[in-house]
PDB file of N, CA and C in Angstrom:
ATOM      1  N   MET A   1       0.929  -0.730   0.178  1.00  0.00           N
ATOM      2  CA  MET A   1       0.349   0.114  -0.231  1.00  0.00           C
ATOM      3  C   MET A   1       1.028   1.039   0.077  1.00  0.00           C
ATOM      4  N   ILE A   2       0.773   2.457  -0.365  1.00  0.00           N
ATOM      5  CA  ILE A   2       1.435   3.950  -0.648  1.00  0.00           C
ATOM      6  C   ILE A   2       0.600   4.552  -0.576  1.00  0.00           C
ATOM      7  N   ALA A   3       0.858   5.573   0.559  1.00  0.00           N
ATOM      8  CA  ALA A   3       0.030   6.542   1.470  1.00  0.00           C
ATOM      9  C   ALA A   3       0.779   7.779   0.239  1.00  0.00           C
ATOM     10  N   ARG A   4      -0.205   8.904   0.107  1.00  0.00           N
ATOM     11  CA  ARG A   4       0.289   9.799  -1.057  1.00  0.00           C
ATOM     12  C   ARG A   4      -0.038  11.174  -0.132  1.00  0.00           C
ATOM     13  N   ILE A   5       0.523  12.165   0.120  1.00  0.00           N
ATOM     14  CA  ILE A   5       0.368  13.087   1.163  1.00  0.00           C
ATOM     15  C   ILE A   5       0.589  14.239   0.010  1.00  0.00           C
ATOM     16  N   TRP A   6      -0.250  15.142   0.157  1.00  0.00           N
ATOM     17  CA  TRP A   6      -0.332  16.575  -0.745  1.00  0.00           C
ATOM     18  C   TRP A   6      -0.507  17.714   0.298  1.00  0.00           C
ATOM     19  N   HIS A   7       0.130  18.803   0.366  1.00  0.00           N
ATOM     20  CA  HIS A   7      -0.247  19.865   1.308  1.00  0.00           C
ATOM     21  C   HIS A   7      -0.229  21.149   0.295  1.00  0.00           C
ATOM     22  N   GLY A   8      -1.426  21.532   0.932  1.00  0.00           N
ATOM     23  CA  GLY A   8      -2.556  23.085   0.398  1.00  0.00           C
ATOM     24  C   GLY A   8      -2.165  24.263   1.252  1.00  0.00           C
ATOM     25  N   LYS A   9      -2.460  25.126   1.216  1.00  0.00           N
ATOM     26  CA  LYS A   9      -2.227  26.710   1.804  1.00  0.00           C
ATOM     27  C   LYS A   9      -3.492  27.523   1.626  1.00  0.00           C
ATOM     28  N   THR A  10      -4.817  27.814   2.499  1.00  0.00           N
ATOM     29  CA  THR A  10      -4.719  29.054   2.413  1.00  0.00           C
ATOM     30  C   THR A  10      -5.535  30.036   3.036  1.00  0.00           C
ATOM     31  N   ALA A  11      -5.682  31.237   3.078  1.00  0.00           N
ATOM     32  CA  ALA A  11      -5.823  32.363   3.561  1.00  0.00           C
ATOM     33  C   ALA A  11      -6.935  32.009   4.618  1.00  0.00           C
ATOM     34  N   ALA A  12      -6.998  32.197   5.939  1.00  0.00           N
ATOM     35  CA  ALA A  12      -7.721  31.379   7.250  1.00  0.00           C
ATOM     36  C   ALA A  12      -9.161  31.968   6.807  1.00  0.00           C
ATOM     37  N   ALA A  13      -9.381  33.138   6.109  1.00  0.00           N
ATOM     38  CA  ALA A  13     -10.688  33.637   6.368  1.00  0.00           C
ATOM     39  C   ALA A  13     -11.616  32.313   4.832  1.00  0.00           C
ATOM     40  N   LYS A  14     -11.019  31.878   3.831  1.00  0.00           N
ATOM     41  CA  LYS A  14     -11.298  30.627   3.311  1.00  0.00           C
ATOM     42  C   LYS A  14     -11.257  29.344   3.594  1.00  0.00           C
ATOM     43  N   ALA A  15     -10.743  29.378   4.507  1.00  0.00           N
ATOM     44  CA  ALA A  15     -10.677  27.580   5.028  1.00  0.00           C
ATOM     45  C   ALA A  15     -11.861  26.775   5.236  1.00  0.00           C
ATOM     46  N   ALA A  16     -13.084  27.516   6.164  1.00  0.00           N
ATOM     47  CA  ALA A  16     -14.468  26.897   5.849  1.00  0.00           C
ATOM     48  C   ALA A  16     -14.898  26.151   4.612  1.00  0.00           C
ATOM     49  N   GLU A  17     -14.766  27.775   3.498  1.00  0.00           N
ATOM     50  CA  GLU A  17     -14.803  27.067   2.577  1.00  0.00           C
ATOM     51  C   GLU A  17     -14.575  26.351   1.806  1.00  0.00           C
ATOM     52  N   TYR A  18     -13.275  26.009   1.810  1.00  0.00           N
ATOM     53  CA  TYR A  18     -12.462  25.169   0.991  1.00  0.00           C
ATOM     54  C   TYR A  18     -12.610  23.598   2.045  1.00  0.00           C
ATOM     55  N   ALA A  19     -12.831  23.641   2.885  1.00  0.00           N
ATOM     56  CA  ALA A  19     -12.636  22.329   3.564  1.00  0.00           C
ATOM     57  C   ALA A  19     -14.459  21.938   3.037  1.00  0.00           C
ATOM     58  N   ASN A  20     -14.651  22.844   2.986  1.00  0.00           N
ATOM     59  CA  ASN A  20     -16.373  22.153   2.293  1.00  0.00           C
ATOM     60  C   ASN A  20     -15.974  21.774   0.950  1.00  0.00           C
ATOM     61  N   PHE A  21     -15.758  22.540  -0.239  1.00  0.00           N
ATOM     62  CA  PHE A  21     -14.961  21.723  -1.197  1.00  0.00           C
ATOM     63  C   PHE A  21     -14.619  20.345  -1.519  1.00  0.00           C
ATOM     64  N   LEU A  22     -13.488  20.553  -0.648  1.00  0.00           N
ATOM     65  CA  LEU A  22     -12.674  19.476  -0.242  1.00  0.00           C
ATOM     66  C   LEU A  22     -13.430  18.148  -0.332  1.00  0.00           C
ATOM     67  N   ASN A  23     -14.637  18.404   0.490  1.00  0.00           N
ATOM     68  CA  ASN A  23     -15.484  17.583   1.009  1.00  0.00           C
ATOM     69  C   ASN A  23     -16.346  16.932   0.125  1.00  0.00           C
ATOM     70  N   VAL A  24     -16.715  18.021  -0.687  1.00  0.00           N
ATOM     71  CA  VAL A  24     -17.858  17.669  -1.634  1.00  0.00           C
ATOM     72  C   VAL A  24     -17.094  17.167  -2.936  1.00  0.00           C
ATOM     73  N   LYS A  25     -16.454  17.870  -3.310  1.00  0.00           N
ATOM     74  CA  LYS A  25     -15.583  17.353  -4.569  1.00  0.00           C
ATOM     75  C   LYS A  25     -14.642  16.597  -4.159  1.00  0.00           C
ATOM     76  N   ALA A  26     -13.600  16.773  -4.291  1.00  0.00           N
ATOM     77  CA  ALA A  26     -12.205  16.120  -4.033  1.00  0.00           C
ATOM     78  C   ALA A  26     -12.121  15.228  -3.678  1.00  0.00           C
ATOM     79  N   ILE A  27     -12.678  14.816  -2.087  1.00  0.00           N
ATOM     80  CA  ILE A  27     -12.775  13.449  -2.046  1.00  0.00           C
ATOM     81  C   ILE A  27     -13.518  12.897  -2.573  1.00  0.00           C
ATOM     82  N   PRO A  28     -14.582  13.126  -3.064  1.00  0.00           N
ATOM     83  CA  PRO A  28     -15.410  11.860  -3.549  1.00  0.00           C
ATOM     84  C   PRO A  28     -14.735  11.568  -5.266  1.00  0.00           C
ATOM     85  N   ASP A  29     -14.020  12.420  -5.597  1.00  0.00           N
ATOM     86  CA  ASP A  29     -13.135  11.944  -6.454  1.00  0.00           C
ATOM     87  C   ASP A  29     -11.821  11.286  -6.387  1.00  0.00           C
ATOM     88  N   TYR A  30     -11.317  11.625  -5.547  1.00  0.00           N
ATOM     89  CA  TYR A  30     -10.339  10.427  -4.870  1.00  0.00           C
ATOM     90  C   TYR A  30     -11.068   8.675  -4.399  1.00  0.00           C
ATOM     91  N   ARG A  31     -12.287   9.082  -3.904  1.00  0.00           N
ATOM     92  CA  ARG A  31     -12.660   7.596  -3.420  1.00  0.00           C
ATOM     93  C   ARG A  31     -13.288   7.049  -4.644  1.00  0.00           C
ATOM     94  N   GLY A  32     -13.738   7.434  -5.807  1.00  0.00           N
ATOM     95  CA  GLY A  32     -14.331   7.230  -6.877  1.00  0.00           C
ATOM     96  C   GLY A  32     -13.025   7.028  -8.243  1.00  0.00           C
ATOM     97  N   THR A  33     -11.632   6.820  -7.808  1.00  0.00           N
ATOM     98  CA  THR A  33     -10.911   6.152  -8.675  1.00  0.00           C
ATOM     99  C   THR A  33     -10.391   4.673  -8.183  1.00  0.00           C
ATOM    100  N   PRO A  34     -10.384   3.699  -9.099  1.00  0.00           N
ATOM    101  CA  PRO A  34      -9.887   2.821  -8.827  1.00  0.00           C
ATOM    102  C   PRO A  34      -8.402   2.588  -7.809  1.00  0.00           C
ATOM    103  N   GLY A  35      -8.530   2.047  -6.923  1.00  0.00           N
ATOM    104  CA  GLY A  35      -7.164   2.037  -6.316  1.00  0.00           C
ATOM    105  C   GLY A  35      -7.293   2.313  -5.292  1.00  0.00           C
ATOM    106  N   ASN A  36      -8.323   3.305  -4.989  1.00  0.00           N
ATOM    107  CA  ASN A  36      -8.139   4.195  -4.327  1.00  0.00           C
ATOM    108  C   ASN A  36      -8.793   3.368  -2.484  1.00  0.00           C
ATOM    109  N   LEU A  37      -7.951   3.460  -1.566  1.00  0.00           N
ATOM    110  CA  LEU A  37      -8.179   2.515  -0.130  1.00  0.00           C
ATOM    111  C   LEU A  37      -8.567   3.790   0.711  1.00  0.00           C
ATOM    112  N   GLY A  38      -8.561   4.970   0.732  1.00  0.00           N
ATOM    113  CA  GLY A  38      -9.014   5.824   1.435  1.00  0.00           C
ATOM    114  C   GLY A  38      -8.779   6.919   1.766  1.00  0.00           C
ATOM    115  N   VAL A  39      -9.002   8.119   2.326  1.00  0.00           N
ATOM    116  CA  VAL A  39      -9.132   9.791   2.309  1.00  0.00           C
ATOM    117  C   VAL A  39      -9.030  10.135   3.611  1.00  0.00           C
ATOM    118  N   TYR A  40      -8.232  10.601   4.495  1.00  0.00           N
ATOM    119  CA  TYR A  40      -8.400  11.174   5.184  1.00  0.00           C
ATOM    120  C   TYR A  40      -7.560  13.080   4.743  1.00  0.00           C
ATOM    121  N   VAL A  41      -8.497  14.098   5.150  1.00  0.00           N
ATOM    122  CA  VAL A  41      -8.308  15.286   4.875  1.00  0.00           C
ATOM    123  C   VAL A  41      -8.012  15.945   6.085  1.00  0.00           C
ATOM    124  N   LEU A  42      -6.843  16.366   6.674  1.00  0.00           N
ATOM    125  CA  LEU A  42      -6.156  17.024   7.706  1.00  0.00           C
ATOM    126  C   LEU A  42      -6.066  18.738   7.716  1.00  0.00           C
ATOM    127  N   ARG A  43      -6.572  19.857   9.000  1.00  0.00           N
ATOM    128  CA  ARG A  43      -6.537  21.108   8.706  1.00  0.00           C
ATOM    129  C   ARG A  43      -5.620  21.410   9.664  1.00  0.00           C
ATOM    130  N   ARG A  44      -4.977  22.441   9.777  1.00  0.00           N
ATOM    131  CA  ARG A  44      -4.273  23.062  10.583  1.00  0.00           C
ATOM    132  C   ARG A  44      -3.972  24.956  10.769  1.00  0.00           C
ATOM    133  N   ASP A  45      -4.953  25.529  11.537  1.00  0.00           N
ATOM    134  CA  ASP A  45      -5.030  27.183  11.440  1.00  0.00           C
ATOM    135  C   ASP A  45      -3.389  27.220  12.112  1.00  0.00           C
ATOM    136  N   GLU A  46      -3.229  28.223  11.558  1.00  0.00           N
ATOM    137  CA  GLU A  46      -1.541  29.110  11.616  1.00  0.00           C
ATOM    138  C   GLU A  46      -2.329  30.481  11.279  1.00  0.00           C
ATOM    139  N   GLY A  47      -2.312  31.406  12.468  1.00  0.00           N
ATOM    140  CA  GLY A  47      -2.481  32.286  12.021  1.00  0.00           C
ATOM    141  C   GLY A  47      -2.946  32.945  10.957  1.00  0.00           C
ATOM    142  N   ASP A  48      -2.877  33.796   9.855  1.00  0.00           N
ATOM    143  CA  ASP A  48      -3.726  34.100   8.794  1.00  0.00           C
ATOM    144  C   ASP A  48      -4.104  33.420   7.619  1.00  0.00           C
ATOM    145  N   ARG A  49      -3.435  32.049   7.910  1.00  0.00           N
ATOM    146  CA  ARG A  49      -3.110  30.973   7.183  1.00  0.00           C
ATOM    147  C   ARG A  49      -4.318  29.620   7.669  1.00  0.00           C
ATOM    148  N   THR A  50      -4.049  28.943   6.661  1.00  0.00           N
ATOM    149  CA  THR A  50      -4.147  27.437   7.568  1.00  0.00           C
ATOM    150  C   THR A  50      -4.044  26.368   5.843  1.00  0.00           C
ATOM    151  N   HIS A  51      -3.580  25.253   7.007  1.00  0.00           N
ATOM    152  CA  HIS A  51      -3.107  24.192   6.042  1.00  0.00           C
ATOM    153  C   HIS A  51      -4.146  23.126   5.811  1.00  0.00           C
ATOM    154  N   PHE A  52      -3.915  22.563   4.659  1.00  0.00           N
ATOM    155  CA  PHE A  52      -4.392  21.184   4.421  1.00  0.00           C
ATOM    156  C   PHE A  52      -3.481  20.000   3.706  1.00  0.00           C
ATOM    157  N   ILE A  53      -3.731  19.200   4.400  1.00  0.00           N
ATOM    158  CA  ILE A  53      -2.910  17.869   4.062  1.00  0.00           C
ATOM    159  C   ILE A  53      -3.871  16.830   3.881  1.00  0.00           C
ATOM    160  N   ALA A  54      -3.892  16.355   2.381  1.00  0.00           N
ATOM    161  CA  ALA A  54      -4.725  15.147   1.804  1.00  0.00           C
ATOM    162  C   ALA A  54      -3.719  14.118   2.363  1.00  0.00           C
ATOM    163  N   LEU A  55      -4.057  13.223   3.125  1.00  0.00           N
ATOM    164  CA  LEU A  55      -3.505  11.696   3.158  1.00  0.00           C
ATOM    165  C   LEU A  55      -4.327  11.008   2.827  1.00  0.00           C
ATOM    166  N   THR A  56      -4.109   9.847   1.374  1.00  0.00           N
ATOM    167  CA  THR A  56      -4.719   9.354   0.663  1.00  0.00           C
ATOM    168  C   THR A  56      -3.724   7.630   0.865  1.00  0.00           C
ATOM    169  N   PHE A  57      -4.261   6.664   0.703  1.00  0.00           N
ATOM    170  CA  PHE A  57      -4.097   5.557   0.403  1.00  0.00           C
ATOM    171  C   PHE A  57      -3.719   5.220  -0.725  1.00  0.00           C
ATOM    172  N   TRP A  58      -3.560   4.333  -1.175  1.00  0.00           N
ATOM    173  CA  TRP A  58      -3.638   3.414  -2.508  1.00  0.00           C
ATOM    174  C   TRP A  58      -2.898   2.228  -3.014  1.00  0.00           C
ATOM    175  N   GLU A  59      -3.420   1.259  -3.878  1.00  0.00           N
ATOM    176  CA  GLU A  59      -3.225   0.102  -3.649  1.00  0.00           C
ATOM    177  C   GLU A  59      -1.460   0.045  -4.106  1.00  0.00           C
ATOM    178  N   SER A  60      -1.799   0.884  -5.015  1.00  0.00           N
ATOM    179  CA  SER A  60       0.040   1.019  -5.963  1.00  0.00           C
ATOM    180  C   SER A  60       0.439   2.352  -6.011  1.00  0.00           C
ATOM    181  N   LEU A  61       1.776   2.424  -6.913  1.00  0.00           N
ATOM    182  CA  LEU A  61       1.690   3.544  -7.972  1.00  0.00           C
ATOM    183  C   LEU A  61       1.091   3.417  -8.923  1.00  0.00           C
ATOM    184  N   GLU A  62       0.843   2.345  -9.424  1.00  0.00           N
ATOM    185  CA  GLU A  62       0.045   2.556 -10.806  1.00  0.00           C
ATOM    186  C   GLU A  62      -1.306   2.663 -10.939  1.00  0.00           C
ATOM    187  N   THR A  63      -1.412   2.546  -9.604  1.00  0.00           N
ATOM    188  CA  THR A  63      -3.361   3.385  -9.695  1.00  0.00           C
ATOM    189  C   THR A  63      -3.283   4.720  -9.314  1.00  0.00           C
ATOM    190  N   ILE A  64      -2.551   5.088  -8.270  1.00  0.00           N
ATOM    191  CA  ILE A  64      -2.201   6.805  -8.272  1.00  0.00           C
ATOM    192  C   ILE A  64      -2.140   7.496  -9.527  1.00  0.00           C
ATOM    193  N   LYS A  65      -1.818   6.837 -10.972  1.00  0.00           N
ATOM    194  CA  LYS A  65      -1.505   7.240 -12.103  1.00  0.00           C
ATOM    195  C   LYS A  65      -2.756   7.645 -12.840  1.00  0.00           C
ATOM    196  N   GLY A  66      -3.836   6.804 -11.762  1.00  0.00           N
ATOM    197  CA  GLY A  66      -5.295   6.942 -12.228  1.00  0.00           C
ATOM    198  C   GLY A  66      -5.873   8.450 -12.017  1.00  0.00           C
ATOM    199  N   PHE A  67      -5.446   8.922 -10.699  1.00  0.00           N
ATOM    200  CA  PHE A  67      -5.971  10.247 -10.609  1.00  0.00           C
ATOM    201  C   PHE A  67      -5.097  10.412 -10.832  1.00  0.00           C
ATOM    202  N   ALA A  68      -3.941  10.965 -10.612  1.00  0.00           N
ATOM    203  CA  ALA A  68      -2.795  11.978 -10.862  1.00  0.00           C
ATOM    204  C   ALA A  68      -2.548  12.047 -12.099  1.00  0.00           C
ATOM    205  N   GLY A  69      -2.051  10.921 -13.035  1.00  0.00           N
ATOM    206  CA  GLY A  69      -1.832  10.962 -14.191  1.00  0.00           C
ATOM    207  C   GLY A  69      -0.029  10.314 -14.334  1.00  0.00           C
ATOM    208  N   ASP A  70       0.681  10.899 -15.459  1.00  0.00           N
ATOM    209  CA  ASP A  70       2.272  10.699 -15.509  1.00  0.00           C
ATOM    210  C   ASP A  70       2.833  11.665 -15.603  1.00  0.00           C
ATOM    211  N   PRO A  71       3.555  12.533 -14.559  1.00  0.00           N
ATOM    212  CA  PRO A  71       4.189  11.251 -13.551  1.00  0.00           C
ATOM    213  C   PRO A  71       3.591  11.661 -12.448  1.00  0.00           C
ATOM    214  N   VAL A  72       3.939  10.506 -11.906  1.00  0.00           N
ATOM    215  CA  VAL A  72       2.887   9.894 -10.216  1.00  0.00           C
ATOM    216  C   VAL A  72       3.008  11.193  -9.513  1.00  0.00           C
ATOM    217  N   ASP A  73       3.662  11.580  -9.623  1.00  0.00           N
ATOM    218  CA  ASP A  73       4.037  12.588  -8.390  1.00  0.00           C
ATOM    219  C   ASP A  73       3.499  13.867  -8.346  1.00  0.00           C
ATOM    220  N   ARG A  74       2.648  14.178  -9.544  1.00  0.00           N
ATOM    221  CA  ARG A  74       2.739  15.998 -10.081  1.00  0.00           C
ATOM    222  C   ARG A  74       1.402  15.590  -8.906  1.00  0.00           C
ATOM    223  N   ALA A  75       1.546  17.014  -8.625  1.00  0.00           N
ATOM    224  CA  ALA A  75      -0.026  17.400  -7.953  1.00  0.00           C
ATOM    225  C   ALA A  75      -1.244  17.352  -8.875  1.00  0.00           C
ATOM    226  N   LYS A  76      -2.297  17.615  -7.940  1.00  0.00           N
ATOM    227  CA  LYS A  76      -3.960  17.351  -8.837  1.00  0.00           C
ATOM    228  C   LYS A  76      -4.011  18.593  -8.686  1.00  0.00           C
ATOM    229  N   TYR A  77      -4.459  19.790  -8.970  1.00  0.00           N
ATOM    230  CA  TYR A  77      -5.411  20.767  -8.868  1.00  0.00           C
ATOM    231  C   TYR A  77      -7.035  20.879 -10.085  1.00  0.00           C
ATOM    232  N   TYR A  78      -7.468  21.185  -9.086  1.00  0.00           N
ATOM    233  CA  TYR A  78      -8.775  21.169  -9.794  1.00  0.00           C
ATOM    234  C   TYR A  78      -8.948  23.067  -9.943  1.00  0.00           C
ATOM    235  N   PRO A  79     -10.155  22.635 -10.785  1.00  0.00           N
ATOM    236  CA  PRO A  79     -10.407  25.004 -11.676  1.00  0.00           C
ATOM    237  C   PRO A  79     -10.322  25.198 -10.174  1.00  0.00           C
ATOM    238  N   GLU A  80     -11.330  25.231  -9.305  1.00  0.00           N
ATOM    239  CA  GLU A  80     -11.757  25.629  -8.143  1.00  0.00           C
ATOM    240  C   GLU A  80     -10.289  26.296  -7.505  1.00  0.00           C
ATOM    241  N   ASP A  81      -9.499  25.322  -7.059  1.00  0.00           N
ATOM    242  CA  ASP A  81      -8.445  25.493  -6.000  1.00  0.00           C
ATOM    243  C   ASP A  81      -7.881  27.082  -6.567  1.00  0.00           C
ATOM    244  N   ARG A  82      -7.929  27.863  -7.210  1.00  0.00           N
ATOM    245  CA  ARG A  82      -7.630  28.818  -8.180  1.00  0.00           C
ATOM    246  C   ARG A  82      -8.409  29.899  -6.831  1.00  0.00           C
ATOM    247  N   GLY A  83      -9.413  29.600  -6.328  1.00  0.00           N
ATOM    248  CA  GLY A  83      -9.873  30.945  -5.562  1.00  0.00           C
ATOM    249  C   GLY A  83      -9.543  30.582  -4.518  1.00  0.00           C
ATOM    250  N   PHE A  84      -9.259  29.504  -4.027  1.00  0.00           N
ATOM    251  CA  PHE A  84      -8.541  29.238  -2.408  1.00  0.00           C
ATOM    252  C   PHE A  84      -6.967  29.270  -2.170  1.00  0.00           C
ATOM    253  N   LEU A  85      -6.069  28.504  -2.723  1.00  0.00           N
ATOM    254  CA  LEU A  85      -4.952  28.339  -2.094  1.00  0.00           C
ATOM    255  C   LEU A  85      -3.931  29.664  -2.937  1.00  0.00           C
ATOM    256  N   VAL A  86      -3.143  30.015  -1.474  1.00  0.00           N
ATOM    257  CA  VAL A  86      -2.437  30.902  -1.980  1.00  0.00           C
ATOM    258  C   VAL A  86      -0.545  29.939  -2.622  1.00  0.00           C
ATOM    259  N   GLU A  87      -0.807  29.057  -2.528  1.00  0.00           N
ATOM    260  CA  GLU A  87       0.359  28.969  -3.461  1.00  0.00           C
ATOM    261  C   GLU A  87      -0.148  27.107  -3.794  1.00  0.00           C
ATOM    262  N   PHE A  88       0.998  26.570  -5.261  1.00  0.00           N
ATOM    263  CA  PHE A  88       0.192  25.449  -5.438  1.00  0.00           C
ATOM    264  C   PHE A  88       1.797  24.945  -5.924  1.00  0.00           C
ATOM    265  N   GLU A  89       1.877  23.624  -4.671  1.00  0.00           N
ATOM    266  CA  GLU A  89       2.990  22.357  -4.420  1.00  0.00           C
ATOM    267  C   GLU A  89       3.041  22.158  -6.177  1.00  0.00           C
ATOM    268  N   PRO A  90       4.051  21.753  -6.470  1.00  0.00           N
ATOM    269  CA  PRO A  90       3.966  20.802  -7.879  1.00  0.00           C
ATOM    270  C   PRO A  90       3.869  19.281  -7.860  1.00  0.00           C
ATOM    271  N   LYS A  91       4.289  18.925  -6.464  1.00  0.00           N
ATOM    272  CA  LYS A  91       4.409  17.676  -6.508  1.00  0.00           C
ATOM    273  C   LYS A  91       4.016  17.086  -5.140  1.00  0.00           C
ATOM    274  N   GLY A  92       3.329  15.581  -4.868  1.00  0.00           N
ATOM    275  CA  GLY A  92       2.771  15.266  -3.912  1.00  0.00           C
ATOM    276  C   GLY A  92       3.365  14.354  -3.405  1.00  0.00           C
ATOM    277  N   GLN A  93       4.299  13.670  -1.960  1.00  0.00           N
ATOM    278  CA  GLN A  93       5.006  12.650  -1.752  1.00  0.00           C
ATOM    279  C   GLN A  93       4.131  10.849  -1.954  1.00  0.00           C
ATOM    280  N   HIS A  94       5.401  10.290  -1.952  1.00  0.00           N
ATOM    281  CA  HIS A  94       4.578   8.766  -1.759  1.00  0.00           C
ATOM    282  C   HIS A  94       5.474   8.534  -0.462  1.00  0.00           C
ATOM    283  N   TRP A  95       4.420   7.369   0.404  1.00  0.00           N
ATOM    284  CA  TRP A  95       5.483   6.549   1.106  1.00  0.00           C
ATOM    285  C   TRP A  95       4.846   5.719   0.850  1.00  0.00           C
ATOM    286  N   GLU A  96       5.740   4.457   0.994  1.00  0.00           N
ATOM    287  CA  GLU A  96       5.457   2.566   1.122  1.00  0.00           C
ATOM    288  C   GLU A  96       5.080   2.372   3.002  1.00  0.00           C
ATOM    289  N   VAL A  97       3.523   2.001   2.813  1.00  0.00           N
ATOM    290  CA  VAL A  97       3.189   1.595   4.233  1.00  0.00           C
ATOM    291  C   VAL A  97       4.097   0.564   4.803  1.00  0.00           C
ATOM    292  N   VAL A  98       4.549   0.533   5.857  1.00  0.00           N
ATOM    293  CA  VAL A  98       5.056  -0.699   6.355  1.00  0.00           C
ATOM    294  C   VAL A  98       4.542  -1.284   7.583  1.00  0.00           C
ATOM    295  N   GLY A  99       3.403  -0.846   8.159  1.00  0.00           N
ATOM    296  CA  GLY A  99       2.877  -0.807   9.384  1.00  0.00           C
ATOM    297  C   GLY A  99       1.732  -0.596   9.770  1.00  0.00           C
ATOM    298  N   SER A 100       0.687  -0.747   9.906  1.00  0.00           N
ATOM    299  CA  SER A 100      -0.531  -0.171  10.606  1.00  0.00           C
ATOM    300  C   SER A 100      -1.054  -0.639  11.995  1.00  0.00           C
ATOM    301  N   ALA A 101      -2.293  -0.132  12.303  1.00  0.00           N
ATOM    302  CA  ALA A 101      -2.618  -0.325  13.697  1.00  0.00           C
ATOM    303  C   ALA A 101      -3.771   0.025  13.809  1.00  0.00           C
ATOM    304  N   LYS A 102      -5.098  -0.201  13.929  1.00  0.00           N
ATOM    305  CA  LYS A 102      -6.731   0.307  14.355  1.00  0.00           C
ATOM    306  C   LYS A 102      -6.670   0.300  15.915  1.00  0.00           C
ATOM    307  N   PRO A 103      -6.855   1.386  16.405  1.00  0.00           N
ATOM    308  CA  PRO A 103      -7.532   1.881  17.493  1.00  0.00           C
ATOM    309  C   PRO A 103      -8.804   0.714  18.654  1.00  0.00           C
TER     310      PRO A 103
END
């Protein structure tokens, strides 16, 4: 299993609206991609900026290509992101999952 991590940053004033957008559009897009095993979106407020981390789980790097395209580490953005994000990081990170536990 592969974990993919993407980071985005918004103005704090737009954070709630962006979180809603992620839940309505981005998460269903992730979940609708064959090979996606799960999605978590994390939020952290920091002064006048809010950080978002999308932590997704995939069967393999090949299945991530069905979501992100090629090259597989390219960040995927939606047209709506232009109204929210203050910068556009070019890449996501991939990590091999080597252990897990459920509470």
